[in-house]
Every structure is written in structure tokens, then in C-alpha cells.
Amino acid sequence: LSSDVDVVTMRSRTMFYASLMRLLSLDLNDNDTVFYAFLQPLTG
């Protein structure tokens, strides 16, 4: 990130990714196939 991004935006982004990872880890149960299927729209 550049120094031009304000603190509120960085905090919101951090909370978003933390919440996303919490949801992801609850539903995965160590299933790699589900993990890669979840990431597919983000990498495409």
C-alpha cells in the first residue's frame, strides 16, 4: 500500500480480509478442493 491510503480504508480492508478468512476457515475443514474453488473467482 502507498502512504496515500488513509487509515480508515486500511482498517476496513483489514477487517474485511480477517472476516473473510474466518468464514473460509469455518467452512473448509481442511478441504483443499473447496479452498481452490473459493479462490478461483479472485484469481481469474
PDB file of N, CA and C in Angstrom:
ATOM      1  N   LEU A   1       0.833  -1.191   0.000  1.00  0.00           N
ATOM      2  CA  LEU A   1       0.000   0.000   0.000  1.00  0.00           C
ATOM      3  C   LEU A   1       0.869   1.242   0.000  1.00  0.00           C
ATOM      4  N   SER A   2       0.364   2.249  -0.613  1.00  0.00           N
ATOM      5  CA  SER A   2       1.092   3.510  -0.606  1.00  0.00           C
ATOM      6  C   SER A   2       0.731   4.311   0.630  1.00  0.00           C
ATOM      7  N   SER A   3       1.482   5.344   0.864  1.00  0.00           N
ATOM      8  CA  SER A   3       1.211   6.198   2.018  1.00  0.00           C
ATOM      9  C   SER A   3       0.011   7.107   1.777  1.00  0.00           C
ATOM     10  N   ASP A   4      -0.536   7.094   0.557  1.00  0.00           N
ATOM     11  CA  ASP A   4      -1.693   7.936   0.227  1.00  0.00           C
ATOM     12  C   ASP A   4      -3.009   7.364   0.740  1.00  0.00           C
ATOM     13  N   VAL A   5      -3.028   6.087   1.129  1.00  0.00           N
ATOM     14  CA  VAL A   5      -4.252   5.447   1.596  1.00  0.00           C
ATOM     15  C   VAL A   5      -4.488   5.838   3.049  1.00  0.00           C
ATOM     16  N   ASP A   6      -5.704   6.281   3.351  1.00  0.00           N
ATOM     17  CA  ASP A   6      -5.979   6.723   4.715  1.00  0.00           C
ATOM     18  C   ASP A   6      -6.165   5.534   5.661  1.00  0.00           C
ATOM     19  N   VAL A   7      -6.070   5.808   6.939  1.00  0.00           N
ATOM     20  CA  VAL A   7      -6.106   4.775   7.971  1.00  0.00           C
ATOM     21  C   VAL A   7      -7.456   4.065   8.001  1.00  0.00           C
ATOM     22  N   VAL A   8      -8.541   4.773   7.780  1.00  0.00           N
ATOM     23  CA  VAL A   8      -9.874   4.167   7.809  1.00  0.00           C
ATOM     24  C   VAL A   8     -10.003   3.121   6.703  1.00  0.00           C
ATOM     25  N   THR A   9      -9.500   3.432   5.524  1.00  0.00           N
ATOM     26  CA  THR A   9      -9.546   2.478   4.418  1.00  0.00           C
ATOM     27  C   THR A   9      -8.716   1.248   4.728  1.00  0.00           C
ATOM     28  N   MET A  10      -7.524   1.446   5.282  1.00  0.00           N
ATOM     29  CA  MET A  10      -6.672   0.301   5.621  1.00  0.00           C
ATOM     30  C   MET A  10      -7.315  -0.556   6.704  1.00  0.00           C
ATOM     31  N   ARG A  11      -7.936   0.067   7.691  1.00  0.00           N
ATOM     32  CA  ARG A  11      -8.597  -0.672   8.765  1.00  0.00           C
ATOM     33  C   ARG A  11      -9.788  -1.457   8.216  1.00  0.00           C
ATOM     34  N   SER A  12     -10.555  -0.845   7.331  1.00  0.00           N
ATOM     35  CA  SER A  12     -11.707  -1.528   6.731  1.00  0.00           C
ATOM     36  C   SER A  12     -11.257  -2.713   5.889  1.00  0.00           C
ATOM     37  N   ARG A  13     -10.199  -2.528   5.137  1.00  0.00           N
ATOM     38  CA  ARG A  13      -9.678  -3.607   4.303  1.00  0.00           C
ATOM     39  C   ARG A  13      -9.182  -4.761   5.171  1.00  0.00           C
ATOM     40  N   THR A  14      -8.497  -4.442   6.252  1.00  0.00           N
ATOM     41  CA  THR A  14      -8.001  -5.469   7.167  1.00  0.00           C
ATOM     42  C   THR A  14      -9.145  -6.230   7.805  1.00  0.00           C
ATOM     43  N   MET A  15     -10.180  -5.526   8.241  1.00  0.00           N
ATOM     44  CA  MET A  15     -11.339  -6.186   8.849  1.00  0.00           C
ATOM     45  C   MET A  15     -12.059  -7.068   7.830  1.00  0.00           C
ATOM     46  N   PHE A  16     -12.157  -6.604   6.585  1.00  0.00           N
ATOM     47  CA  PHE A  16     -12.801  -7.392   5.539  1.00  0.00           C
ATOM     48  C   PHE A  16     -12.072  -8.715   5.326  1.00  0.00           C
ATOM     49  N   TYR A  17     -10.762  -8.652   5.162  1.00  0.00           N
ATOM     50  CA  TYR A  17      -9.999  -9.877   4.919  1.00  0.00           C
ATOM     51  C   TYR A  17      -9.967 -10.785   6.139  1.00  0.00           C
ATOM     52  N   ALA A  18      -9.940 -10.220   7.332  1.00  0.00           N
ATOM     53  CA  ALA A  18      -9.988 -11.048   8.545  1.00  0.00           C
ATOM     54  C   ALA A  18     -11.327 -11.773   8.634  1.00  0.00           C
ATOM     55  N   SER A  19     -12.411 -11.071   8.341  1.00  0.00           N
ATOM     56  CA  SER A  19     -13.740 -11.695   8.363  1.00  0.00           C
ATOM     57  C   SER A  19     -13.866 -12.751   7.276  1.00  0.00           C
ATOM     58  N   LEU A  20     -13.342 -12.460   6.109  1.00  0.00           N
ATOM     59  CA  LEU A  20     -13.378 -13.415   5.011  1.00  0.00           C
ATOM     60  C   LEU A  20     -12.619 -14.693   5.366  1.00  0.00           C
ATOM     61  N   MET A  21     -11.465 -14.556   5.969  1.00  0.00           N
ATOM     62  CA  MET A  21     -10.688 -15.734   6.353  1.00  0.00           C
ATOM     63  C   MET A  21     -11.375 -16.519   7.467  1.00  0.00           C
ATOM     64  N   ARG A  22     -12.046 -15.826   8.372  1.00  0.00           N
ATOM     65  CA  ARG A  22     -12.785 -16.528   9.423  1.00  0.00           C
ATOM     66  C   ARG A  22     -13.902 -17.375   8.818  1.00  0.00           C
ATOM     67  N   LEU A  23     -14.647 -16.808   7.887  1.00  0.00           N
ATOM     68  CA  LEU A  23     -15.713 -17.555   7.219  1.00  0.00           C
ATOM     69  C   LEU A  23     -15.147 -18.722   6.422  1.00  0.00           C
ATOM     70  N   LEU A  24     -14.059 -18.476   5.741  1.00  0.00           N
ATOM     71  CA  LEU A  24     -13.445 -19.507   4.925  1.00  0.00           C
ATOM     72  C   LEU A  24     -12.939 -20.662   5.777  1.00  0.00           C
ATOM     73  N   SER A  25     -12.302 -20.369   6.870  1.00  0.00           N
ATOM     74  CA  SER A  25     -11.738 -21.433   7.702  1.00  0.00           C
ATOM     75  C   SER A  25     -12.826 -22.228   8.414  1.00  0.00           C
ATOM     76  N   LEU A  26     -13.975 -21.637   8.653  1.00  0.00           N
ATOM     77  CA  LEU A  26     -15.066 -22.373   9.280  1.00  0.00           C
ATOM     78  C   LEU A  26     -15.659 -23.419   8.345  1.00  0.00           C
ATOM     79  N   ASP A  27     -15.756 -23.081   7.077  1.00  0.00           N
ATOM     80  CA  ASP A  27     -16.430 -23.959   6.129  1.00  0.00           C
ATOM     81  C   ASP A  27     -15.506 -24.954   5.436  1.00  0.00           C
ATOM     82  N   LEU A  28     -14.215 -24.760   5.497  1.00  0.00           N
ATOM     83  CA  LEU A  28     -13.299 -25.594   4.723  1.00  0.00           C
ATOM     84  C   LEU A  28     -13.053 -26.966   5.313  1.00  0.00           C
ATOM     85  N   ASN A  29     -12.815 -27.035   6.584  1.00  0.00           N
ATOM     86  CA  ASN A  29     -12.468 -28.306   7.236  1.00  0.00           C
ATOM     87  C   ASN A  29     -11.286 -28.985   6.549  1.00  0.00           C
ATOM     88  N   ASP A  30     -10.256 -28.209   6.210  1.00  0.00           N
ATOM     89  CA  ASP A  30      -9.013 -28.698   5.593  1.00  0.00           C
ATOM     90  C   ASP A  30      -9.232 -29.371   4.245  1.00  0.00           C
ATOM     91  N   ASN A  31     -10.230 -28.932   3.506  1.00  0.00           N
ATOM     92  CA  ASN A  31     -10.507 -29.476   2.180  1.00  0.00           C
ATOM     93  C   ASN A  31      -9.888 -28.536   1.137  1.00  0.00           C
ATOM     94  N   ASP A  32      -8.775 -28.959   0.531  1.00  0.00           N
ATOM     95  CA  ASP A  32      -8.074 -28.119  -0.433  1.00  0.00           C
ATOM     96  C   ASP A  32      -8.900 -27.830  -1.674  1.00  0.00           C
ATOM     97  N   THR A  33      -9.713 -28.768  -2.107  1.00  0.00           N
ATOM     98  CA  THR A  33     -10.534 -28.578  -3.298  1.00  0.00           C
ATOM     99  C   THR A  33     -11.496 -27.414  -3.112  1.00  0.00           C
ATOM    100  N   VAL A  34     -12.120 -27.338  -1.957  1.00  0.00           N
ATOM    101  CA  VAL A  34     -13.040 -26.233  -1.665  1.00  0.00           C
ATOM    102  C   VAL A  34     -12.273 -24.920  -1.605  1.00  0.00           C
ATOM    103  N   PHE A  35     -11.083 -24.941  -1.038  1.00  0.00           N
ATOM    104  CA  PHE A  35     -10.263 -23.735  -0.942  1.00  0.00           C
ATOM    105  C   PHE A  35      -9.924 -23.196  -2.328  1.00  0.00           C
ATOM    106  N   TYR A  36      -9.466 -24.056  -3.226  1.00  0.00           N
ATOM    107  CA  TYR A  36      -9.107 -23.610  -4.570  1.00  0.00           C
ATOM    108  C   TYR A  36     -10.335 -23.173  -5.367  1.00  0.00           C
ATOM    109  N   ALA A  37     -11.452 -23.819  -5.162  1.00  0.00           N
ATOM    110  CA  ALA A  37     -12.690 -23.391  -5.818  1.00  0.00           C
ATOM    111  C   ALA A  37     -13.121 -22.025  -5.305  1.00  0.00           C
ATOM    112  N   PHE A  38     -12.897 -21.770  -4.021  1.00  0.00           N
ATOM    113  CA  PHE A  38     -13.226 -20.476  -3.432  1.00  0.00           C
ATOM    114  C   PHE A  38     -12.342 -19.376  -4.014  1.00  0.00           C
ATOM    115  N   LEU A  39     -11.066 -19.670  -4.229  1.00  0.00           N
ATOM    116  CA  LEU A  39     -10.135 -18.667  -4.742  1.00  0.00           C
ATOM    117  C   LEU A  39     -10.254 -18.438  -6.243  1.00  0.00           C
ATOM    118  N   GLN A  40     -10.866 -19.329  -6.966  1.00  0.00           N
ATOM    119  CA  GLN A  40     -10.928 -19.235  -8.421  1.00  0.00           C
ATOM    120  C   GLN A  40     -11.472 -17.894  -8.926  1.00  0.00           C
ATOM    121  N   PRO A  41     -12.589 -17.376  -8.415  1.00  0.00           N
ATOM    122  CA  PRO A  41     -13.065 -16.075  -8.913  1.00  0.00           C
ATOM    123  C   PRO A  41     -12.112 -14.928  -8.592  1.00  0.00           C
ATOM    124  N   LEU A  42     -11.329 -15.055  -7.533  1.00  0.00           N
ATOM    125  CA  LEU A  42     -10.408 -13.991  -7.145  1.00  0.00           C
ATOM    126  C   LEU A  42      -9.157 -13.976  -8.014  1.00  0.00           C
ATOM    127  N   THR A  43      -8.791 -15.114  -8.578  1.00  0.00           N
ATOM    128  CA  THR A  43      -7.566 -15.196  -9.373  1.00  0.00           C
ATOM    129  C   THR A  43      -7.826 -15.129 -10.868  1.00  0.00           C
ATOM    130  N   GLY A  44      -9.082 -15.244 -11.269  1.00  0.00           N
ATOM    131  CA  GLY A  44      -9.415 -15.274 -12.693  1.00  0.00           C
ATOM    132  C   GLY A  44      -9.589 -13.937 -13.238  1.00  0.00           C
TER     133      GLY A  44
END
